[in-house]
Amino acid sequence: MISVREFGILLIFLYLCSMEFSIREFGRTELAQLYFPTLTASSAWRKLKGWIHLNCNLEAKLQELNYRDTTRSFTPRMVACIFEELGEP
């Protein structure tokens, strides 16, 4: 028997698996929570930001597009770079 929380996580996972992601503008926490749906918004953002810093190629591409740690949203071109380097969520 699974808990209510585990069932909720499973539903989110199944929903995300069925989604096709479009290249559009995303808020930073919105995109981060697609990659880390079980984390809070702030934790998901910190984790995604860490992944960006670990991937030098991705970080360089994003910086060319004016990405900074304080960026509040990702443009469609930034999202395309993230999806290319990390894969779709």
C-alpha atoms as a PDB file:
ATOM      1  CA  MET A   1       0.000   0.000   0.000  1.00  0.00           C
ATOM      2  CA  ILE A   2       1.367   3.421  -0.899  1.00  0.00           C
ATOM      3  CA  SER A   3       0.878   6.604   1.067  1.00  0.00           C
ATOM      4  CA  VAL A   4      -1.183   9.561  -0.121  1.00  0.00           C
ATOM      5  CA  ARG A   5       2.038  11.533  -0.727  1.00  0.00           C
ATOM      6  CA  GLU A   6       3.538   8.735  -2.820  1.00  0.00           C
ATOM      7  CA  PHE A   7       0.297   8.482  -4.790  1.00  0.00           C
ATOM      8  CA  GLY A   8       0.400  12.234  -5.448  1.00  0.00           C
ATOM      9  CA  ILE A   9       3.990  12.002  -6.646  1.00  0.00           C
ATOM     10  CA  LEU A  10       3.035   9.102  -8.908  1.00  0.00           C
ATOM     11  CA  LEU A  11       0.190  11.126 -10.428  1.00  0.00           C
ATOM     12  CA  ILE A  12       2.533  14.069 -11.072  1.00  0.00           C
ATOM     13  CA  PHE A  13       5.061  11.724 -12.648  1.00  0.00           C
ATOM     14  CA  LEU A  14       2.469  10.136 -14.931  1.00  0.00           C
ATOM     15  CA  TYR A  15       1.161  13.557 -15.924  1.00  0.00           C
ATOM     16  CA  LEU A  16       4.654  14.819 -16.754  1.00  0.00           C
ATOM     17  CA  CYS A  17       5.417  11.682 -18.770  1.00  0.00           C
ATOM     18  CA  SER A  18       2.357  12.299 -20.899  1.00  0.00           C
ATOM     19  CA  MET A  19       3.223  15.954 -21.565  1.00  0.00           C
ATOM     20  CA  GLU A  20       4.985  17.160 -24.653  1.00  0.00           C
ATOM     21  CA  PHE A  21       7.061  20.176 -23.778  1.00  0.00           C
ATOM     22  CA  SER A  22       6.870  23.209 -25.991  1.00  0.00           C
ATOM     23  CA  ILE A  23       9.706  25.658 -26.376  1.00  0.00           C
ATOM     24  CA  ARG A  24       8.281  28.740 -24.692  1.00  0.00           C
ATOM     25  CA  GLU A  25       9.222  31.159 -21.943  1.00  0.00           C
ATOM     26  CA  PHE A  26       9.349  29.538 -18.500  1.00  0.00           C
ATOM     27  CA  GLY A  27       9.726  31.066 -15.071  1.00  0.00           C
ATOM     28  CA  ARG A  28      12.868  29.746 -13.422  1.00  0.00           C
ATOM     29  CA  THR A  29      11.042  27.854 -10.677  1.00  0.00           C
ATOM     30  CA  GLU A  30       8.388  26.654 -13.122  1.00  0.00           C
ATOM     31  CA  LEU A  31      11.061  25.014 -15.275  1.00  0.00           C
ATOM     32  CA  ALA A  32      12.997  23.755 -12.268  1.00  0.00           C
ATOM     33  CA  GLN A  33       9.919  22.018 -10.875  1.00  0.00           C
ATOM     34  CA  LEU A  34       9.416  20.206 -14.165  1.00  0.00           C
ATOM     35  CA  TYR A  35      12.856  18.658 -13.661  1.00  0.00           C
ATOM     36  CA  PHE A  36      12.385  18.113  -9.916  1.00  0.00           C
ATOM     37  CA  PRO A  37       8.633  17.778  -9.245  1.00  0.00           C
ATOM     38  CA  THR A  38       9.026  16.394  -5.741  1.00  0.00           C
ATOM     39  CA  LEU A  39      11.034  19.383  -4.477  1.00  0.00           C
ATOM     40  CA  THR A  40       9.795  22.759  -3.321  1.00  0.00           C
ATOM     41  CA  ALA A  41      10.113  25.614  -5.811  1.00  0.00           C
ATOM     42  CA  SER A  42      13.191  27.090  -4.146  1.00  0.00           C
ATOM     43  CA  SER A  43      14.930  23.715  -3.749  1.00  0.00           C
ATOM     44  CA  ALA A  44      14.163  22.776  -7.346  1.00  0.00           C
ATOM     45  CA  TRP A  45      15.609  26.093  -8.551  1.00  0.00           C
ATOM     46  CA  ARG A  46      18.797  25.648  -6.495  1.00  0.00           C
ATOM     47  CA  LYS A  47      19.233  22.148  -7.910  1.00  0.00           C
ATOM     48  CA  LEU A  48      18.651  23.238 -11.530  1.00  0.00           C
ATOM     49  CA  LYS A  49      21.029  26.177 -11.042  1.00  0.00           C
ATOM     50  CA  GLY A  50      23.627  23.705  -9.756  1.00  0.00           C
ATOM     51  CA  TRP A  51      23.171  21.516 -12.834  1.00  0.00           C
ATOM     52  CA  ILE A  52      23.617  24.565 -15.064  1.00  0.00           C
ATOM     53  CA  HIS A  53      26.882  25.457 -13.290  1.00  0.00           C
ATOM     54  CA  LEU A  54      28.161  21.877 -13.566  1.00  0.00           C
ATOM     55  CA  ASN A  55      27.499  21.777 -17.311  1.00  0.00           C
ATOM     56  CA  CYS A  56      30.086  24.254 -18.652  1.00  0.00           C
ATOM     57  CA  ASN A  57      28.783  24.008 -22.219  1.00  0.00           C
ATOM     58  CA  LEU A  58      25.227  24.827 -21.106  1.00  0.00           C
ATOM     59  CA  GLU A  59      26.371  27.645 -18.844  1.00  0.00           C
ATOM     60  CA  ALA A  60      28.393  29.210 -21.678  1.00  0.00           C
ATOM     61  CA  LYS A  61      25.447  28.988 -24.097  1.00  0.00           C
ATOM     62  CA  LEU A  62      23.096  30.555 -21.560  1.00  0.00           C
ATOM     63  CA  GLN A  63      25.535  33.355 -20.730  1.00  0.00           C
ATOM     64  CA  GLU A  64      25.683  34.227 -24.436  1.00  0.00           C
ATOM     65  CA  LEU A  65      21.909  34.679 -24.161  1.00  0.00           C
ATOM     66  CA  ASN A  66      22.338  37.016 -21.129  1.00  0.00           C
ATOM     67  CA  TYR A  67      21.630  34.402 -18.435  1.00  0.00           C
ATOM     68  CA  ARG A  68      22.629  35.358 -14.892  1.00  0.00           C
ATOM     69  CA  ASP A  69      21.953  33.621 -11.569  1.00  0.00           C
ATOM     70  CA  THR A  70      19.396  36.333 -10.889  1.00  0.00           C
ATOM     71  CA  THR A  71      17.469  35.657 -14.121  1.00  0.00           C
ATOM     72  CA  ARG A  72      13.774  35.310 -13.249  1.00  0.00           C
ATOM     73  CA  SER A  73      12.674  33.614 -16.455  1.00  0.00           C
ATOM     74  CA  PHE A  74      14.135  31.666 -19.326  1.00  0.00           C
ATOM     75  CA  THR A  75      13.504  32.838 -22.884  1.00  0.00           C
ATOM     76  CA  PRO A  76      12.479  30.253 -25.502  1.00  0.00           C
ATOM     77  CA  ARG A  77      16.074  30.208 -26.823  1.00  0.00           C
ATOM     78  CA  MET A  78      17.405  29.534 -23.303  1.00  0.00           C
ATOM     79  CA  VAL A  79      14.839  26.758 -22.821  1.00  0.00           C
ATOM     80  CA  ALA A  80      15.904  25.193 -26.135  1.00  0.00           C
ATOM     81  CA  CYS A  81      19.539  25.182 -24.928  1.00  0.00           C
ATOM     82  CA  ILE A  82      18.557  23.623 -21.599  1.00  0.00           C
ATOM     83  CA  PHE A  83      16.466  20.919 -23.299  1.00  0.00           C
ATOM     84  CA  GLU A  84      19.328  20.235 -25.732  1.00  0.00           C
ATOM     85  CA  GLU A  85      21.906  19.805 -22.958  1.00  0.00           C
ATOM     86  CA  LEU A  86      19.831  18.232 -20.184  1.00  0.00           C
ATOM     87  CA  GLY A  87      17.047  16.623 -22.169  1.00  0.00           C
ATOM     88  CA  GLU A  88      13.386  17.382 -21.706  1.00  0.00           C
ATOM     89  CA  PRO A  89      12.117  17.068 -18.136  1.00  0.00           C
END
